[in-house]
Amino acid sequence: MAPAEITIAPDRQDITTTVTFDAPPAAVFRAITDPELIPRWWGGGNFETTVERLDLRPGGLWCYVSRDPAGTPSVFRGVCHDVDAPKRLVQTLELEGVPGGVQLGVFTFEDLGGRTLHRQVSVFQSVEERDAWVHPGMSEIMREGMRRVGEIAEGLS
């Protein structure tokens, strides 16, 4: 598996992550959405993550709590809007305590005959909100998370 490609283009309000996994869509979808597996990849292994809630259906709520090495929590939450396993997932994401920081995530899982082209597009309300989300080291954390998803998915297939 090649490293995830992360696109943060100037003057756009989105972040796009693209990666091809050596596993079928059902395995990749499960690795990304199974509450037992999420803590193994969320935050790229730099954080201890607990899935507090995950109701994977349209209108269902989700909430993950990640703790950094010092134990400081970050609470991520959102609403599932569309779930078409293992092809597509649409949900919002909000980091608690960050006003107006809601983003819409569209995840697609394209079957490449035993492999999966996964694309995640995160759309922010403005370019400024997207830019506020981007920080040094973010791309590396995301790439490591996707590498871990690949390992998990390969083990499931």
C-alpha atoms as a PDB file:
ATOM      1  CA  MET A   1       0.000   0.000   0.000  1.00  0.00           C
ATOM      2  CA  ALA A   2       1.336   3.408  -0.944  1.00  0.00           C
ATOM      3  CA  PRO A   3       1.050   6.227   1.623  1.00  0.00           C
ATOM      4  CA  ALA A   4      -2.196   8.181   1.634  1.00  0.00           C
ATOM      5  CA  GLU A   5      -2.226  11.239  -0.596  1.00  0.00           C
ATOM      6  CA  ILE A   6      -3.537  14.265   1.286  1.00  0.00           C
ATOM      7  CA  THR A   7      -4.585  17.318  -0.709  1.00  0.00           C
ATOM      8  CA  ILE A   8      -4.928  20.667   1.045  1.00  0.00           C
ATOM      9  CA  ALA A   9      -5.215  23.087  -1.858  1.00  0.00           C
ATOM     10  CA  PRO A  10      -5.005  26.851  -1.330  1.00  0.00           C
ATOM     11  CA  ASP A  11      -8.261  28.825  -1.354  1.00  0.00           C
ATOM     12  CA  ARG A  12     -10.433  25.711  -1.041  1.00  0.00           C
ATOM     13  CA  GLN A  13     -12.559  24.673   1.898  1.00  0.00           C
ATOM     14  CA  ASP A  14     -11.833  20.949   1.732  1.00  0.00           C
ATOM     15  CA  ILE A  15      -9.210  18.342   2.538  1.00  0.00           C
ATOM     16  CA  THR A  16      -9.080  15.223   0.371  1.00  0.00           C
ATOM     17  CA  THR A  17      -7.402  11.987   1.400  1.00  0.00           C
ATOM     18  CA  THR A  18      -6.939   9.226  -1.188  1.00  0.00           C
ATOM     19  CA  VAL A  19      -5.390   5.809  -0.627  1.00  0.00           C
ATOM     20  CA  THR A  20      -5.554   2.393  -2.278  1.00  0.00           C
ATOM     21  CA  PHE A  21      -5.760  -0.521   0.148  1.00  0.00           C
ATOM     22  CA  ASP A  22      -4.776  -4.114  -0.567  1.00  0.00           C
ATOM     23  CA  ALA A  23      -8.097  -5.337   0.802  1.00  0.00           C
ATOM     24  CA  PRO A  24     -11.698  -5.463  -0.455  1.00  0.00           C
ATOM     25  CA  PRO A  25     -14.163  -2.636   0.322  1.00  0.00           C
ATOM     26  CA  ALA A  26     -16.037  -4.627   2.992  1.00  0.00           C
ATOM     27  CA  ALA A  27     -12.825  -5.086   4.995  1.00  0.00           C
ATOM     28  CA  VAL A  28     -11.795  -1.422   4.646  1.00  0.00           C
ATOM     29  CA  PHE A  29     -15.297  -0.209   5.551  1.00  0.00           C
ATOM     30  CA  ARG A  30     -15.281  -2.441   8.634  1.00  0.00           C
ATOM     31  CA  ALA A  31     -11.799  -1.273   9.693  1.00  0.00           C
ATOM     32  CA  ILE A  32     -12.982   2.347   9.522  1.00  0.00           C
ATOM     33  CA  THR A  33     -16.383   1.847  11.191  1.00  0.00           C
ATOM     34  CA  ASP A  34     -16.094  -1.040  13.689  1.00  0.00           C
ATOM     35  CA  PRO A  35     -16.035   0.372  17.254  1.00  0.00           C
ATOM     36  CA  GLU A  36     -13.598  -2.368  18.308  1.00  0.00           C
ATOM     37  CA  LEU A  37     -11.155  -1.441  15.510  1.00  0.00           C
ATOM     38  CA  ILE A  38     -11.364   2.373  15.470  1.00  0.00           C
ATOM     39  CA  PRO A  39      -9.076   2.829  18.519  1.00  0.00           C
ATOM     40  CA  ARG A  40      -6.319   0.957  16.667  1.00  0.00           C
ATOM     41  CA  TRP A  41      -6.022   3.621  13.946  1.00  0.00           C
ATOM     42  CA  TRP A  42      -7.747   6.866  15.049  1.00  0.00           C
ATOM     43  CA  GLY A  43      -5.139   9.548  15.670  1.00  0.00           C
ATOM     44  CA  GLY A  44      -2.375   7.599  13.966  1.00  0.00           C
ATOM     45  CA  GLY A  45      -1.494   5.720  17.139  1.00  0.00           C
ATOM     46  CA  ASN A  46      -0.456   8.894  18.970  1.00  0.00           C
ATOM     47  CA  PHE A  47      -3.618   8.998  21.082  1.00  0.00           C
ATOM     48  CA  GLU A  48      -5.626   6.597  23.221  1.00  0.00           C
ATOM     49  CA  THR A  49      -9.109   6.592  21.707  1.00  0.00           C
ATOM     50  CA  THR A  50     -12.390   5.368  23.155  1.00  0.00           C
ATOM     51  CA  VAL A  51     -15.523   4.984  21.058  1.00  0.00           C
ATOM     52  CA  GLU A  52     -18.218   6.367  23.357  1.00  0.00           C
ATOM     53  CA  ARG A  53     -21.027   6.035  20.825  1.00  0.00           C
ATOM     54  CA  LEU A  54     -21.425   4.872  17.230  1.00  0.00           C
ATOM     55  CA  ASP A  55     -24.894   4.518  15.736  1.00  0.00           C
ATOM     56  CA  LEU A  56     -24.033   3.780  12.108  1.00  0.00           C
ATOM     57  CA  ARG A  57     -27.301   4.671  10.398  1.00  0.00           C
ATOM     58  CA  PRO A  58     -28.785   7.840   8.882  1.00  0.00           C
ATOM     59  CA  GLY A  59     -29.454  10.178  11.804  1.00  0.00           C
ATOM     60  CA  GLY A  60     -27.239   8.124  14.129  1.00  0.00           C
ATOM     61  CA  LEU A  61     -24.857   9.902  16.470  1.00  0.00           C
ATOM     62  CA  TRP A  62     -21.199   9.089  17.059  1.00  0.00           C
ATOM     63  CA  CYS A  63     -18.631  10.247  19.628  1.00  0.00           C
ATOM     64  CA  TYR A  64     -14.943   9.349  20.106  1.00  0.00           C
ATOM     65  CA  VAL A  65     -12.719  10.603  22.917  1.00  0.00           C
ATOM     66  CA  SER A  66      -8.997  10.770  22.180  1.00  0.00           C
ATOM     67  CA  ARG A  67      -6.412  11.411  24.876  1.00  0.00           C
ATOM     68  CA  ASP A  68      -2.977  12.725  24.021  1.00  0.00           C
ATOM     69  CA  PRO A  69       0.138  11.309  25.763  1.00  0.00           C
ATOM     70  CA  ALA A  70      -0.410  13.778  28.649  1.00  0.00           C
ATOM     71  CA  GLY A  71      -3.993  12.493  29.088  1.00  0.00           C
ATOM     72  CA  THR A  72      -5.700  15.622  27.728  1.00  0.00           C
ATOM     73  CA  PRO A  73      -8.985  14.639  26.064  1.00  0.00           C
ATOM     74  CA  SER A  74     -10.304  15.760  22.686  1.00  0.00           C
ATOM     75  CA  VAL A  75     -13.932  14.915  21.989  1.00  0.00           C
ATOM     76  CA  PHE A  76     -14.951  14.295  18.385  1.00  0.00           C
ATOM     77  CA  ARG A  77     -18.624  13.885  17.551  1.00  0.00           C
ATOM     78  CA  GLY A  78     -21.009  13.973  14.653  1.00  0.00           C
ATOM     79  CA  VAL A  79     -24.092  12.681  12.889  1.00  0.00           C
ATOM     80  CA  CYS A  80     -24.239   9.957  10.235  1.00  0.00           C
ATOM     81  CA  HIS A  81     -26.201  11.157   7.210  1.00  0.00           C
ATOM     82  CA  ASP A  82     -25.802   8.331   4.701  1.00  0.00           C
ATOM     83  CA  VAL A  83     -24.577   4.784   5.213  1.00  0.00           C
ATOM     84  CA  ASP A  84     -24.337   2.499   2.184  1.00  0.00           C
ATOM     85  CA  ALA A  85     -21.936  -0.210   3.367  1.00  0.00           C
ATOM     86  CA  PRO A  86     -19.408  -0.950   1.990  1.00  0.00           C
ATOM     87  CA  LYS A  87     -19.583   1.758  -0.679  1.00  0.00           C
ATOM     88  CA  ARG A  88     -20.192   5.085   1.024  1.00  0.00           C
ATOM     89  CA  LEU A  89     -20.450   6.886   4.356  1.00  0.00           C
ATOM     90  CA  VAL A  90     -21.423  10.523   4.893  1.00  0.00           C
ATOM     91  CA  GLN A  91     -21.150  12.109   8.331  1.00  0.00           C
ATOM     92  CA  THR A  92     -20.416  15.354  10.098  1.00  0.00           C
ATOM     93  CA  LEU A  93     -17.448  15.816  12.407  1.00  0.00           C
ATOM     94  CA  GLU A  94     -17.077  18.407  15.108  1.00  0.00           C
ATOM     95  CA  LEU A  95     -14.290  18.861  17.643  1.00  0.00           C
ATOM     96  CA  GLU A  96     -15.893  19.802  20.945  1.00  0.00           C
ATOM     97  CA  GLY A  97     -14.872  23.255  22.122  1.00  0.00           C
ATOM     98  CA  VAL A  98     -14.112  24.555  18.629  1.00  0.00           C
ATOM     99  CA  PRO A  99     -17.000  26.876  17.741  1.00  0.00           C
ATOM    100  CA  GLY A 100     -18.302  26.651  14.190  1.00  0.00           C
ATOM    101  CA  GLY A 101     -15.877  23.877  13.351  1.00  0.00           C
ATOM    102  CA  VAL A 102     -18.318  21.420  11.796  1.00  0.00           C
ATOM    103  CA  GLN A 103     -17.145  19.612   8.690  1.00  0.00           C
ATOM    104  CA  LEU A 104     -18.932  17.217   6.357  1.00  0.00           C
ATOM    105  CA  GLY A 105     -17.053  14.010   5.557  1.00  0.00           C
ATOM    106  CA  VAL A 106     -17.833  11.925   2.482  1.00  0.00           C
ATOM    107  CA  PHE A 107     -16.077   8.539   2.454  1.00  0.00           C
ATOM    108  CA  THR A 108     -16.165   6.350  -0.664  1.00  0.00           C
ATOM    109  CA  PHE A 109     -14.869   2.801  -1.095  1.00  0.00           C
ATOM    110  CA  GLU A 110     -14.375   1.830  -4.753  1.00  0.00           C
ATOM    111  CA  ASP A 111     -13.916  -1.859  -5.519  1.00  0.00           C
ATOM    112  CA  LEU A 112     -10.804  -2.476  -7.613  1.00  0.00           C
ATOM    113  CA  GLY A 113     -11.183  -6.257  -7.757  1.00  0.00           C
ATOM    114  CA  GLY A 114      -9.918  -7.232  -4.303  1.00  0.00           C
ATOM    115  CA  ARG A 115      -8.370  -3.831  -3.616  1.00  0.00           C
ATOM    116  CA  THR A 116     -10.101  -0.620  -2.559  1.00  0.00           C
ATOM    117  CA  LEU A 117      -9.676   2.962  -3.686  1.00  0.00           C
ATOM    118  CA  HIS A 118     -10.723   4.946  -0.612  1.00  0.00           C
ATOM    119  CA  ARG A 119     -11.384   8.649  -0.823  1.00  0.00           C
ATOM    120  CA  GLN A 120     -12.343  10.921   2.034  1.00  0.00           C
ATOM    121  CA  VAL A 121     -13.403  14.474   1.313  1.00  0.00           C
ATOM    122  CA  SER A 122     -13.830  16.718   4.358  1.00  0.00           C
ATOM    123  CA  VAL A 123     -15.679  19.928   3.527  1.00  0.00           C
ATOM    124  CA  PHE A 124     -15.503  22.855   5.937  1.00  0.00           C
ATOM    125  CA  GLN A 125     -17.858  25.816   6.142  1.00  0.00           C
ATOM    126  CA  SER A 126     -15.140  28.183   4.920  1.00  0.00           C
ATOM    127  CA  VAL A 127     -11.535  28.301   3.780  1.00  0.00           C
ATOM    128  CA  GLU A 128     -10.683  29.950   7.100  1.00  0.00           C
ATOM    129  CA  GLU A 129     -12.199  27.077   9.102  1.00  0.00           C
ATOM    130  CA  ARG A 130     -10.350  24.548   6.967  1.00  0.00           C
ATOM    131  CA  ASP A 131      -7.088  26.434   7.466  1.00  0.00           C
ATOM    132  CA  ALA A 132      -7.673  26.580  11.248  1.00  0.00           C
ATOM    133  CA  TRP A 133      -8.019  22.767  11.277  1.00  0.00           C
ATOM    134  CA  VAL A 134      -4.707  22.239   9.487  1.00  0.00           C
ATOM    135  CA  HIS A 135      -1.688  22.083  11.782  1.00  0.00           C
ATOM    136  CA  PRO A 136       1.928  20.895  11.590  1.00  0.00           C
ATOM    137  CA  GLY A 137       2.055  17.123  11.762  1.00  0.00           C
ATOM    138  CA  MET A 138      -1.598  16.632  10.773  1.00  0.00           C
ATOM    139  CA  SER A 139      -0.788  15.015   7.422  1.00  0.00           C
ATOM    140  CA  GLU A 140       1.635  12.573   9.058  1.00  0.00           C
ATOM    141  CA  ILE A 141      -0.979  11.586  11.669  1.00  0.00           C
ATOM    142  CA  MET A 142      -3.554  11.033   8.914  1.00  0.00           C
ATOM    143  CA  ARG A 143      -1.124   8.986   6.799  1.00  0.00           C
ATOM    144  CA  GLU A 144      -0.205   6.810   9.783  1.00  0.00           C
ATOM    145  CA  GLY A 145      -3.897   6.316  10.574  1.00  0.00           C
ATOM    146  CA  MET A 146      -4.560   5.179   7.007  1.00  0.00           C
ATOM    147  CA  ARG A 147      -1.519   2.872   7.120  1.00  0.00           C
ATOM    148  CA  ARG A 148      -3.007   1.280  10.222  1.00  0.00           C
ATOM    149  CA  VAL A 149      -6.410   0.972   8.548  1.00  0.00           C
ATOM    150  CA  GLY A 150      -4.661  -0.887   5.728  1.00  0.00           C
ATOM    151  CA  GLU A 151      -3.026  -3.331   8.152  1.00  0.00           C
ATOM    152  CA  ILE A 152      -6.335  -3.940   9.917  1.00  0.00           C
ATOM    153  CA  ALA A 153      -8.267  -4.387   6.647  1.00  0.00           C
ATOM    154  CA  GLU A 154      -5.682  -6.778   5.228  1.00  0.00           C
ATOM    155  CA  GLY A 155      -5.996  -8.866   8.401  1.00  0.00           C
ATOM    156  CA  LEU A 156      -9.770  -9.007   7.964  1.00  0.00           C
ATOM    157  CA  SER A 157      -9.726 -10.138   4.330  1.00  0.00           C
END
